[in-house]
PDB file of all heavy atoms in Angstrom:
ATOM      1  N   VAL A   1      -4.102  16.354  15.525  1.00  0.00           N
ATOM      2  CA  VAL A   1      -5.299  15.434  15.185  1.00  0.00           C
ATOM      3  C   VAL A   1      -5.396  15.183  13.715  1.00  0.00           C
ATOM      4  O   VAL A   1      -5.619  13.964  13.333  1.00  0.00           O
ATOM      5  CB  VAL A   1      -6.605  16.048  15.625  1.00  0.00           C
ATOM      6  CG1 VAL A   1      -7.784  15.403  15.178  1.00  0.00           C
ATOM      7  CG2 VAL A   1      -6.643  15.962  17.206  1.00  0.00           C
ATOM      8  N   ASN A   2      -5.126  16.232  12.977  1.00  0.00           N
ATOM      9  CA  ASN A   2      -5.265  16.071  11.517  1.00  0.00           C
ATOM     10  C   ASN A   2      -4.119  15.090  10.866  1.00  0.00           C
ATOM     11  O   ASN A   2      -4.345  14.263  10.065  1.00  0.00           O
ATOM     12  CB  ASN A   2      -5.020  17.487  10.788  1.00  0.00           C
ATOM     13  CG  ASN A   2      -6.307  18.266  10.918  1.00  0.00           C
ATOM     14  OD1 ASN A   2      -7.396  17.718  11.154  1.00  0.00           O
ATOM     15  ND2 ASN A   2      -6.119  19.556  10.741  1.00  0.00           N
ATOM     16  N   VAL A   3      -2.862  15.334  11.452  1.00  0.00           N
ATOM     17  CA  VAL A   3      -1.710  14.355  11.018  1.00  0.00           C
ATOM     18  C   VAL A   3      -2.081  12.998  11.494  1.00  0.00           C
ATOM     19  O   VAL A   3      -1.754  12.078  10.692  1.00  0.00           O
ATOM     20  CB  VAL A   3      -0.382  14.899  11.626  1.00  0.00           C
ATOM     21  CG1 VAL A   3       0.630  13.962  11.479  1.00  0.00           C
ATOM     22  CG2 VAL A   3      -0.014  16.291  11.041  1.00  0.00           C
ATOM     23  N   ALA A   4      -2.535  12.750  12.664  1.00  0.00           N
ATOM     24  CA  ALA A   4      -2.865  11.397  13.093  1.00  0.00           C
ATOM     25  C   ALA A   4      -3.953  10.869  12.289  1.00  0.00           C
ATOM     26  O   ALA A   4      -3.871   9.559  11.928  1.00  0.00           O
ATOM     27  CB  ALA A   4      -3.271  11.528  14.565  1.00  0.00           C
ATOM     28  N   ALA A   5      -4.904  11.524  11.841  1.00  0.00           N
ATOM     29  CA  ALA A   5      -6.082  11.083  10.964  1.00  0.00           C
ATOM     30  C   ALA A   5      -5.485  10.658   9.578  1.00  0.00           C
ATOM     31  O   ALA A   5      -5.775   9.573   9.129  1.00  0.00           O
ATOM     32  CB  ALA A   5      -7.099  12.065  10.913  1.00  0.00           C
ATOM     33  N   VAL A   6      -4.682  11.491   9.099  1.00  0.00           N
ATOM     34  CA  VAL A   6      -4.026  11.205   7.863  1.00  0.00           C
ATOM     35  C   VAL A   6      -3.274   9.903   7.833  1.00  0.00           C
ATOM     36  O   VAL A   6      -3.338   9.028   7.033  1.00  0.00           O
ATOM     37  CB  VAL A   6      -3.143  12.242   7.287  1.00  0.00           C
ATOM     38  CG1 VAL A   6      -2.259  11.981   6.193  1.00  0.00           C
ATOM     39  CG2 VAL A   6      -4.058  13.519   6.972  1.00  0.00           C
ATOM     40  N   LEU A   7      -2.457   9.759   8.849  1.00  0.00           N
ATOM     41  CA  LEU A   7      -1.688   8.502   8.928  1.00  0.00           C
ATOM     42  C   LEU A   7      -2.556   7.261   9.184  1.00  0.00           C
ATOM     43  O   LEU A   7      -2.318   6.197   8.663  1.00  0.00           O
ATOM     44  CB  LEU A   7      -0.669   8.658  10.150  1.00  0.00           C
ATOM     45  CG  LEU A   7       0.476   9.619   9.954  1.00  0.00           C
ATOM     46  CD1 LEU A   7       1.355   9.780  11.202  1.00  0.00           C
ATOM     47  CD2 LEU A   7       1.386   9.242   8.821  1.00  0.00           C
ATOM     48  N   ALA A   8      -3.546   7.471  10.054  1.00  0.00           N
ATOM     49  CA  ALA A   8      -4.427   6.267  10.345  1.00  0.00           C
ATOM     50  C   ALA A   8      -5.196   5.904   9.093  1.00  0.00           C
ATOM     51  O   ALA A   8      -5.459   4.657   8.908  1.00  0.00           O
ATOM     52  CB  ALA A   8      -5.429   6.735  11.411  1.00  0.00           C
ATOM     53  N   PHE A   9      -5.585   6.824   8.207  1.00  0.00           N
ATOM     54  CA  PHE A   9      -6.268   6.366   6.904  1.00  0.00           C
ATOM     55  C   PHE A   9      -5.298   5.962   5.835  1.00  0.00           C
ATOM     56  O   PHE A   9      -5.777   5.130   4.946  1.00  0.00           O
ATOM     57  CB  PHE A   9      -7.093   7.488   6.447  1.00  0.00           C
ATOM     58  CG  PHE A   9      -8.385   7.621   7.209  1.00  0.00           C
ATOM     59  CD1 PHE A   9      -8.629   8.707   8.081  1.00  0.00           C
ATOM     60  CD2 PHE A   9      -9.420   6.665   7.203  1.00  0.00           C
ATOM     61  CE1 PHE A   9      -9.823   8.852   8.910  1.00  0.00           C
ATOM     62  CE2 PHE A   9     -10.591   6.794   7.844  1.00  0.00           C
ATOM     63  CZ  PHE A   9     -10.760   7.822   8.711  1.00  0.00           C
ATOM     64  N   THR A  10      -4.120   6.461   5.795  1.00  0.00           N
ATOM     65  CA  THR A  10      -3.215   6.079   4.709  1.00  0.00           C
ATOM     66  C   THR A  10      -2.412   4.823   4.944  1.00  0.00           C
ATOM     67  O   THR A  10      -2.016   4.155   3.953  1.00  0.00           O
ATOM     68  CB  THR A  10      -2.374   7.252   4.230  1.00  0.00           C
ATOM     69  OG1 THR A  10      -1.493   7.654   5.455  1.00  0.00           O
ATOM     70  CG2 THR A  10      -3.130   8.433   3.812  1.00  0.00           C
ATOM     71  N   MET A  11      -1.982   4.504   6.176  1.00  0.00           N
ATOM     72  CA  MET A  11      -1.116   3.400   6.387  1.00  0.00           C
ATOM     73  C   MET A  11      -1.772   2.109   5.970  1.00  0.00           C
ATOM     74  O   MET A  11      -0.990   1.194   5.508  1.00  0.00           O
ATOM     75  CB  MET A  11      -0.642   3.327   7.868  1.00  0.00           C
ATOM     76  CG  MET A  11       0.225   4.592   8.119  1.00  0.00           C
ATOM     77  SD  MET A  11       0.940   4.571   9.755  1.00  0.00           S
ATOM     78  CE  MET A  11       1.981   3.105   9.666  1.00  0.00           C
ATOM     79  N   PRO A  12      -3.011   1.778   6.136  1.00  0.00           N
ATOM     80  CA  PRO A  12      -3.578   0.490   5.802  1.00  0.00           C
ATOM     81  C   PRO A  12      -3.768   0.302   4.221  1.00  0.00           C
ATOM     82  O   PRO A  12      -4.050  -0.751   3.891  1.00  0.00           O
ATOM     83  CB  PRO A  12      -4.943   0.473   6.319  1.00  0.00           C
ATOM     84  CG  PRO A  12      -5.003   1.618   7.419  1.00  0.00           C
ATOM     85  CD  PRO A  12      -3.989   2.620   7.009  1.00  0.00           C
ATOM     86  N   ILE A  13      -3.544   1.318   3.412  1.00  0.00           N
ATOM     87  CA  ILE A  13      -3.759   1.231   2.035  1.00  0.00           C
ATOM     88  C   ILE A  13      -2.857   0.092   1.431  1.00  0.00           C
ATOM     89  O   ILE A  13      -3.365  -0.665   0.605  1.00  0.00           O
ATOM     90  CB  ILE A  13      -3.527   2.648   1.266  1.00  0.00           C
ATOM     91  CG1 ILE A  13      -4.584   3.517   1.609  1.00  0.00           C
ATOM     92  CG2 ILE A  13      -3.413   2.328  -0.189  1.00  0.00           C
ATOM     93  CD1 ILE A  13      -4.540   4.890   0.963  1.00  0.00           C
ATOM     94  N   ARG A  14      -1.623   0.039   1.811  1.00  0.00           N
ATOM     95  CA  ARG A  14      -0.821  -0.859   1.282  1.00  0.00           C
ATOM     96  C   ARG A  14      -1.300  -2.351   1.508  1.00  0.00           C
ATOM     97  O   ARG A  14      -1.313  -3.174   0.605  1.00  0.00           O
ATOM     98  CB  ARG A  14       0.616  -0.770   1.882  1.00  0.00           C
ATOM     99  CG  ARG A  14       1.660  -1.760   1.447  1.00  0.00           C
ATOM    100  CD  ARG A  14       2.931  -1.501   2.003  1.00  0.00           C
ATOM    101  NE  ARG A  14       3.182  -2.522   3.108  1.00  0.00           N
ATOM    102  CZ  ARG A  14       4.423  -2.551   3.700  1.00  0.00           C
ATOM    103  NH1 ARG A  14       5.363  -1.776   3.433  1.00  0.00           N
ATOM    104  NH2 ARG A  14       4.626  -3.483   4.628  1.00  0.00           N
ATOM    105  N   PHE A  15      -1.683  -2.558   2.775  1.00  0.00           N
ATOM    106  CA  PHE A  15      -2.218  -3.942   3.120  1.00  0.00           C
ATOM    107  C   PHE A  15      -3.595  -4.207   2.407  1.00  0.00           C
ATOM    108  O   PHE A  15      -3.849  -5.372   2.124  1.00  0.00           O
ATOM    109  CB  PHE A  15      -2.306  -4.069   4.596  1.00  0.00           C
ATOM    110  CG  PHE A  15      -0.901  -3.795   5.247  1.00  0.00           C
ATOM    111  CD1 PHE A  15      -0.684  -2.649   5.855  1.00  0.00           C
ATOM    112  CD2 PHE A  15       0.182  -4.664   5.070  1.00  0.00           C
ATOM    113  CE1 PHE A  15       0.540  -2.401   6.369  1.00  0.00           C
ATOM    114  CE2 PHE A  15       1.422  -4.479   5.607  1.00  0.00           C
ATOM    115  CZ  PHE A  15       1.607  -3.289   6.281  1.00  0.00           C
ATOM    116  N   LEU A  16      -4.479  -3.171   2.408  1.00  0.00           N
ATOM    117  CA  LEU A  16      -5.776  -3.364   1.758  1.00  0.00           C
ATOM    118  C   LEU A  16      -5.681  -3.690   0.375  1.00  0.00           C
ATOM    119  O   LEU A  16      -6.356  -4.641  -0.248  1.00  0.00           O
ATOM    120  CB  LEU A  16      -6.660  -2.264   1.992  1.00  0.00           C
ATOM    121  CG  LEU A  16      -7.072  -2.034   3.481  1.00  0.00           C
ATOM    122  CD1 LEU A  16      -7.835  -0.744   3.499  1.00  0.00           C
ATOM    123  CD2 LEU A  16      -7.917  -3.153   3.935  1.00  0.00           C
ATOM    124  N   LEU A  17      -4.745  -3.044  -0.457  1.00  0.00           N
ATOM    125  CA  LEU A  17      -4.572  -3.278  -1.832  1.00  0.00           C
ATOM    126  C   LEU A  17      -3.942  -4.591  -2.029  1.00  0.00           C
ATOM    127  O   LEU A  17      -4.326  -5.341  -2.905  1.00  0.00           O
ATOM    128  CB  LEU A  17      -3.628  -2.248  -2.468  1.00  0.00           C
ATOM    129  CG  LEU A  17      -3.372  -2.369  -3.874  1.00  0.00           C
ATOM    130  CD1 LEU A  17      -4.615  -2.245  -4.786  1.00  0.00           C
ATOM    131  CD2 LEU A  17      -2.332  -1.329  -4.381  1.00  0.00           C
ATOM    132  N   ALA A  18      -2.980  -5.059  -1.218  1.00  0.00           N
ATOM    133  CA  ALA A  18      -2.375  -6.334  -1.293  1.00  0.00           C
ATOM    134  C   ALA A  18      -3.386  -7.497  -1.037  1.00  0.00           C
ATOM    135  O   ALA A  18      -3.384  -8.493  -1.752  1.00  0.00           O
ATOM    136  CB  ALA A  18      -1.227  -6.497  -0.243  1.00  0.00           C
ATOM    137  N   LYS A  19      -4.315  -7.242  -0.105  1.00  0.00           N
ATOM    138  CA  LYS A  19      -5.409  -8.191   0.213  1.00  0.00           C
ATOM    139  C   LYS A  19      -6.321  -8.357  -1.033  1.00  0.00           C
ATOM    140  O   LYS A  19      -6.762  -9.411  -1.497  1.00  0.00           O
ATOM    141  CB  LYS A  19      -6.176  -7.792   1.448  1.00  0.00           C
ATOM    142  CG  LYS A  19      -7.198  -8.861   1.790  1.00  0.00           C
ATOM    143  CD  LYS A  19      -7.991  -8.487   3.081  1.00  0.00           C
ATOM    144  CE  LYS A  19      -9.015  -9.437   3.223  1.00  0.00           C
ATOM    145  NZ  LYS A  19      -9.343  -9.849   4.469  1.00  0.00           N
ATOM    146  N   HIS A  20      -6.658  -7.135  -1.657  1.00  0.00           N
ATOM    147  CA  HIS A  20      -7.419  -7.147  -2.793  1.00  0.00           C
ATOM    148  C   HIS A  20      -6.889  -7.941  -4.095  1.00  0.00           C
ATOM    149  O   HIS A  20      -7.584  -8.536  -4.708  1.00  0.00           O
ATOM    150  CB  HIS A  20      -7.791  -5.597  -3.140  1.00  0.00           C
ATOM    151  CG  HIS A  20      -8.653  -5.511  -4.453  1.00  0.00           C
ATOM    152  ND1 HIS A  20      -9.931  -5.886  -4.608  1.00  0.00           N
ATOM    153  CD2 HIS A  20      -8.237  -5.041  -5.689  1.00  0.00           C
ATOM    154  CE1 HIS A  20     -10.324  -5.625  -5.781  1.00  0.00           C
ATOM    155  NE2 HIS A  20      -9.309  -5.045  -6.462  1.00  0.00           N
ATOM    156  N   LEU A  21      -5.570  -7.738  -4.139  1.00  0.00           N
ATOM    157  CA  LEU A  21      -4.886  -8.417  -5.240  1.00  0.00           C
ATOM    158  C   LEU A  21      -4.520  -9.840  -4.933  1.00  0.00           C
ATOM    159  O   LEU A  21      -4.059 -10.543  -5.836  1.00  0.00           O
ATOM    160  CB  LEU A  21      -3.559  -7.604  -5.562  1.00  0.00           C
ATOM    161  CG  LEU A  21      -3.808  -6.174  -6.140  1.00  0.00           C
ATOM    162  CD1 LEU A  21      -2.440  -5.606  -6.267  1.00  0.00           C
ATOM    163  CD2 LEU A  21      -4.528  -6.203  -7.396  1.00  0.00           C
ATOM    164  N   GLY A  22      -4.512 -10.175  -3.674  1.00  0.00           N
ATOM    165  CA  GLY A  22      -4.124 -11.490  -3.257  1.00  0.00           C
ATOM    166  C   GLY A  22      -2.697 -11.832  -3.262  1.00  0.00           C
ATOM    167  O   GLY A  22      -2.198 -12.864  -3.659  1.00  0.00           O
ATOM    168  N   VAL A  23      -1.869 -10.710  -2.869  1.00  0.00           N
ATOM    169  CA  VAL A  23      -0.455 -10.874  -2.924  1.00  0.00           C
ATOM    170  C   VAL A  23       0.066 -10.374  -1.465  1.00  0.00           C
ATOM    171  O   VAL A  23      -0.665  -9.860  -0.718  1.00  0.00           O
ATOM    172  CB  VAL A  23       0.235 -10.020  -4.036  1.00  0.00           C
ATOM    173  CG1 VAL A  23      -0.135 -10.477  -5.400  1.00  0.00           C
ATOM    174  CG2 VAL A  23      -0.030  -8.517  -3.857  1.00  0.00           C
ATOM    175  N   ASP A  24       1.369 -10.649  -1.316  1.00  0.00           N
ATOM    176  CA  ASP A  24       2.047 -10.101  -0.020  1.00  0.00           C
ATOM    177  C   ASP A  24       2.720  -8.822  -0.405  1.00  0.00           C
ATOM    178  O   ASP A  24       3.534  -8.785  -1.303  1.00  0.00           O
ATOM    179  CB  ASP A  24       3.148 -11.138   0.411  1.00  0.00           C
ATOM    180  CG  ASP A  24       3.830 -10.721   1.566  1.00  0.00           C
ATOM    181  OD1 ASP A  24       3.314  -9.988   2.455  1.00  0.00           O
ATOM    182  OD2 ASP A  24       5.046 -11.101   1.759  1.00  0.00           O
ATOM    183  N   ALA A  25       2.250  -7.725   0.296  1.00  0.00           N
ATOM    184  CA  ALA A  25       2.714  -6.470   0.053  1.00  0.00           C
ATOM    185  C   ALA A  25       4.231  -6.302   0.215  1.00  0.00           C
ATOM    186  O   ALA A  25       4.925  -5.693  -0.690  1.00  0.00           O
ATOM    187  CB  ALA A  25       2.054  -5.426   0.944  1.00  0.00           C
ATOM    188  N   LYS A  26       4.883  -6.843   1.215  1.00  0.00           N
ATOM    189  CA  LYS A  26       6.254  -6.728   1.489  1.00  0.00           C
ATOM    190  C   LYS A  26       7.030  -7.396   0.344  1.00  0.00           C
ATOM    191  O   LYS A  26       8.034  -6.855  -0.180  1.00  0.00           O
ATOM    192  CB  LYS A  26       6.561  -7.274   2.821  1.00  0.00           C
ATOM    193  CG  LYS A  26       8.136  -7.105   3.214  1.00  0.00           C
ATOM    194  CD  LYS A  26       8.289  -7.508   4.553  1.00  0.00           C
ATOM    195  CE  LYS A  26       9.684  -7.367   4.945  1.00  0.00           C
ATOM    196  NZ  LYS A  26      10.453  -6.149   4.683  1.00  0.00           N
ATOM    197  N   ALA A  27       6.567  -8.590  -0.106  1.00  0.00           N
ATOM    198  CA  ALA A  27       7.283  -9.318  -1.105  1.00  0.00           C
ATOM    199  C   ALA A  27       7.148  -8.521  -2.433  1.00  0.00           C
ATOM    200  O   ALA A  27       8.145  -8.455  -3.281  1.00  0.00           O
ATOM    201  CB  ALA A  27       6.651 -10.725  -1.322  1.00  0.00           C
ATOM    202  N   GLU A  28       6.034  -7.960  -2.790  1.00  0.00           N
ATOM    203  CA  GLU A  28       5.768  -7.306  -4.082  1.00  0.00           C
ATOM    204  C   GLU A  28       6.726  -6.061  -4.062  1.00  0.00           C
ATOM    205  O   GLU A  28       7.197  -5.683  -5.094  1.00  0.00           O
ATOM    206  CB  GLU A  28       4.370  -6.816  -4.135  1.00  0.00           C
ATOM    207  CG  GLU A  28       3.438  -7.972  -4.555  1.00  0.00           C
ATOM    208  CD  GLU A  28       3.737  -8.559  -5.890  1.00  0.00           C
ATOM    209  OE1 GLU A  28       3.855  -7.896  -6.828  1.00  0.00           O
ATOM    210  OE2 GLU A  28       3.699  -9.824  -5.918  1.00  0.00           O
ATOM    211  N   LEU A  29       6.900  -5.286  -2.928  1.00  0.00           N
ATOM    212  CA  LEU A  29       7.624  -4.165  -3.029  1.00  0.00           C
ATOM    213  C   LEU A  29       9.133  -4.428  -2.783  1.00  0.00           C
ATOM    214  O   LEU A  29       9.982  -3.743  -3.444  1.00  0.00           O
ATOM    215  CB  LEU A  29       7.192  -3.187  -1.813  1.00  0.00           C
ATOM    216  CG  LEU A  29       5.767  -2.623  -2.127  1.00  0.00           C
ATOM    217  CD1 LEU A  29       5.341  -1.884  -0.882  1.00  0.00           C
ATOM    218  CD2 LEU A  29       5.689  -1.774  -3.336  1.00  0.00           C
ATOM    219  N   ASP A  30       9.517  -5.385  -1.819  1.00  0.00           N
ATOM    220  CA  ASP A  30      10.898  -5.643  -1.595  1.00  0.00           C
ATOM    221  C   ASP A  30      11.613  -6.516  -2.568  1.00  0.00           C
ATOM    222  O   ASP A  30      12.735  -6.365  -3.043  1.00  0.00           O
ATOM    223  CB  ASP A  30      11.120  -6.090  -0.142  1.00  0.00           C
ATOM    224  CG  ASP A  30      10.681  -5.085   0.847  1.00  0.00           C
ATOM    225  OD1 ASP A  30      10.671  -3.909   0.490  1.00  0.00           O
ATOM    226  OD2 ASP A  30      10.512  -5.385   2.077  1.00  0.00           O
ATOM    227  N   GLN A  31      10.959  -7.780  -2.707  1.00  0.00           N
ATOM    228  CA  GLN A  31      11.627  -8.756  -3.511  1.00  0.00           C
ATOM    229  C   GLN A  31      11.332  -8.722  -4.989  1.00  0.00           C
ATOM    230  O   GLN A  31      12.245  -8.682  -5.801  1.00  0.00           O
ATOM    231  CB  GLN A  31      11.228 -10.183  -2.892  1.00  0.00           C
ATOM    232  CG  GLN A  31      11.678 -10.324  -1.375  1.00  0.00           C
ATOM    233  CD  GLN A  31      10.935 -11.473  -0.753  1.00  0.00           C
ATOM    234  OE1 GLN A  31      10.009 -12.024  -1.350  1.00  0.00           O
ATOM    235  NE2 GLN A  31      11.256 -11.724   0.422  1.00  0.00           N
ATOM    236  N   THR A  32      10.076  -8.516  -5.338  1.00  0.00           N
ATOM    237  CA  THR A  32       9.687  -8.599  -6.753  1.00  0.00           C
ATOM    238  C   THR A  32      10.012  -7.124  -7.332  1.00  0.00           C
ATOM    239  O   THR A  32      10.162  -7.090  -8.513  1.00  0.00           O
ATOM    240  CB  THR A  32       8.208  -8.886  -6.973  1.00  0.00           C
ATOM    241  OG1 THR A  32       7.866 -10.095  -6.138  1.00  0.00           O
ATOM    242  CG2 THR A  32       7.786  -9.033  -8.279  1.00  0.00           C
ATOM    243  N   ASP A  33      10.042  -6.138  -6.578  1.00  0.00           N
ATOM    244  CA  ASP A  33      10.182  -4.730  -7.043  1.00  0.00           C
ATOM    245  C   ASP A  33       9.135  -4.376  -7.992  1.00  0.00           C
ATOM    246  O   ASP A  33       9.468  -3.848  -9.094  1.00  0.00           O
ATOM    247  CB  ASP A  33      11.586  -4.486  -7.473  1.00  0.00           C
ATOM    248  CG  ASP A  33      11.958  -3.096  -7.539  1.00  0.00           C
ATOM    249  OD1 ASP A  33      11.346  -2.164  -6.767  1.00  0.00           O
ATOM    250  OD2 ASP A  33      12.758  -2.658  -8.299  1.00  0.00           O
ATOM    251  N   ASN A  34       7.982  -4.667  -7.731  1.00  0.00           N
ATOM    252  CA  ASN A  34       6.724  -4.489  -8.679  1.00  0.00           C
ATOM    253  C   ASN A  34       6.314  -2.953  -8.594  1.00  0.00           C
ATOM    254  O   ASN A  34       5.768  -2.518  -7.816  1.00  0.00           O
ATOM    255  CB  ASN A  34       5.568  -5.383  -8.212  1.00  0.00           C
ATOM    256  CG  ASN A  34       4.520  -5.361  -9.152  1.00  0.00           C
ATOM    257  OD1 ASN A  34       4.411  -4.507 -10.088  1.00  0.00           O
ATOM    258  ND2 ASN A  34       3.522  -6.269  -9.085  1.00  0.00           N
ATOM    259  N   ALA A  35       6.761  -2.317  -9.712  1.00  0.00           N
ATOM    260  CA  ALA A  35       6.547  -0.877  -9.834  1.00  0.00           C
ATOM    261  C   ALA A  35       4.989  -0.699  -9.941  1.00  0.00           C
ATOM    262  O   ALA A  35       4.600   0.496  -9.546  1.00  0.00           O
ATOM    263  CB  ALA A  35       7.308  -0.321 -10.982  1.00  0.00           C
ATOM    264  N   ALA A  36       4.334  -1.576 -10.641  1.00  0.00           N
ATOM    265  CA  ALA A  36       2.900  -1.403 -10.832  1.00  0.00           C
ATOM    266  C   ALA A  36       2.173  -1.341  -9.464  1.00  0.00           C
ATOM    267  O   ALA A  36       1.314  -0.570  -9.278  1.00  0.00           O
ATOM    268  CB  ALA A  36       2.287  -2.454 -11.718  1.00  0.00           C
ATOM    269  N   PHE A  37       2.674  -2.242  -8.556  1.00  0.00           N
ATOM    270  CA  PHE A  37       1.923  -2.246  -7.310  1.00  0.00           C
ATOM    271  C   PHE A  37       2.343  -1.035  -6.492  1.00  0.00           C
ATOM    272  O   PHE A  37       1.389  -0.411  -5.832  1.00  0.00           O
ATOM    273  CB  PHE A  37       2.564  -3.468  -6.462  1.00  0.00           C
ATOM    274  CG  PHE A  37       1.906  -3.758  -5.152  1.00  0.00           C
ATOM    275  CD1 PHE A  37       0.701  -4.182  -5.004  1.00  0.00           C
ATOM    276  CD2 PHE A  37       2.636  -3.397  -3.975  1.00  0.00           C
ATOM    277  CE1 PHE A  37       0.035  -4.466  -3.809  1.00  0.00           C
ATOM    278  CE2 PHE A  37       2.026  -3.707  -2.745  1.00  0.00           C
ATOM    279  CZ  PHE A  37       0.778  -4.149  -2.713  1.00  0.00           C
ATOM    280  N   GLY A  38       3.593  -0.462  -6.660  1.00  0.00           N
ATOM    281  CA  GLY A  38       3.878   0.858  -6.016  1.00  0.00           C
ATOM    282  C   GLY A  38       3.060   1.934  -6.583  1.00  0.00           C
ATOM    283  O   GLY A  38       2.675   2.875  -5.839  1.00  0.00           O
ATOM    284  N   VAL A  39       2.836   1.975  -7.889  1.00  0.00           N
ATOM    285  CA  VAL A  39       2.107   3.129  -8.478  1.00  0.00           C
ATOM    286  C   VAL A  39       0.600   2.985  -7.996  1.00  0.00           C
ATOM    287  O   VAL A  39       0.053   3.889  -7.685  1.00  0.00           O
ATOM    288  CB  VAL A  39       2.237   3.032  -9.992  1.00  0.00           C
ATOM    289  CG1 VAL A  39       1.132   3.936 -10.719  1.00  0.00           C
ATOM    290  CG2 VAL A  39       3.637   3.394 -10.388  1.00  0.00           C
ATOM    291  N   ALA A  40       0.087   1.735  -7.884  1.00  0.00           N
ATOM    292  CA  ALA A  40      -1.269   1.646  -7.459  1.00  0.00           C
ATOM    293  C   ALA A  40      -1.425   2.150  -6.015  1.00  0.00           C
ATOM    294  O   ALA A  40      -2.501   2.774  -5.666  1.00  0.00           O
ATOM    295  CB  ALA A  40      -1.631   0.088  -7.472  1.00  0.00           C
ATOM    296  N   ILE A  41      -0.459   1.821  -5.118  1.00  0.00           N
ATOM    297  CA  ILE A  41      -0.397   2.268  -3.740  1.00  0.00           C
ATOM    298  C   ILE A  41      -0.315   3.806  -3.782  1.00  0.00           C
ATOM    299  O   ILE A  41      -1.238   4.506  -3.003  1.00  0.00           O
ATOM    300  CB  ILE A  41       0.738   1.710  -2.941  1.00  0.00           C
ATOM    301  CG1 ILE A  41       0.463   0.208  -2.611  1.00  0.00           C
ATOM    302  CG2 ILE A  41       0.847   2.428  -1.590  1.00  0.00           C
ATOM    303  CD1 ILE A  41       1.615  -0.454  -2.089  1.00  0.00           C
ATOM    304  N   GLY A  42       0.577   4.337  -4.548  1.00  0.00           N
ATOM    305  CA  GLY A  42       0.668   5.799  -4.625  1.00  0.00           C
ATOM    306  C   GLY A  42      -0.645   6.487  -5.092  1.00  0.00           C
ATOM    307  O   GLY A  42      -0.938   7.467  -4.565  1.00  0.00           O
ATOM    308  N   GLY A  43      -1.228   5.932  -6.072  1.00  0.00           N
ATOM    309  CA  GLY A  43      -2.551   6.470  -6.513  1.00  0.00           C
ATOM    310  C   GLY A  43      -3.542   6.425  -5.394  1.00  0.00           C
ATOM    311  O   GLY A  43      -4.348   7.419  -5.273  1.00  0.00           O
ATOM    312  N   GLY A  44      -3.662   5.382  -4.696  1.00  0.00           N
ATOM    313  CA  GLY A  44      -4.587   5.272  -3.569  1.00  0.00           C
ATOM    314  C   GLY A  44      -4.310   6.328  -2.437  1.00  0.00           C
ATOM    315  O   GLY A  44      -5.278   6.976  -1.984  1.00  0.00           O
ATOM    316  N   VAL A  45      -2.993   6.464  -2.167  1.00  0.00           N
ATOM    317  CA  VAL A  45      -2.673   7.404  -1.131  1.00  0.00           C
ATOM    318  C   VAL A  45      -2.894   8.759  -1.566  1.00  0.00           C
ATOM    319  O   VAL A  45      -3.416   9.705  -0.903  1.00  0.00           O
ATOM    320  CB  VAL A  45      -1.141   7.277  -0.689  1.00  0.00           C
ATOM    321  CG1 VAL A  45      -0.609   8.441   0.066  1.00  0.00           C
ATOM    322  CG2 VAL A  45      -0.977   5.988  -0.017  1.00  0.00           C
TER     323      VAL A  45
END
């Protein structure tokens, strides 16, 4: 239950941050290789 709760709360962070910034999360991480976006996601997690 604890592992499921952790996954349920942490997985949406990438998409919520992308929505807040108005960018596409996959493009920022895969194509643009935006380290600042990755660090922001890591800090949120």
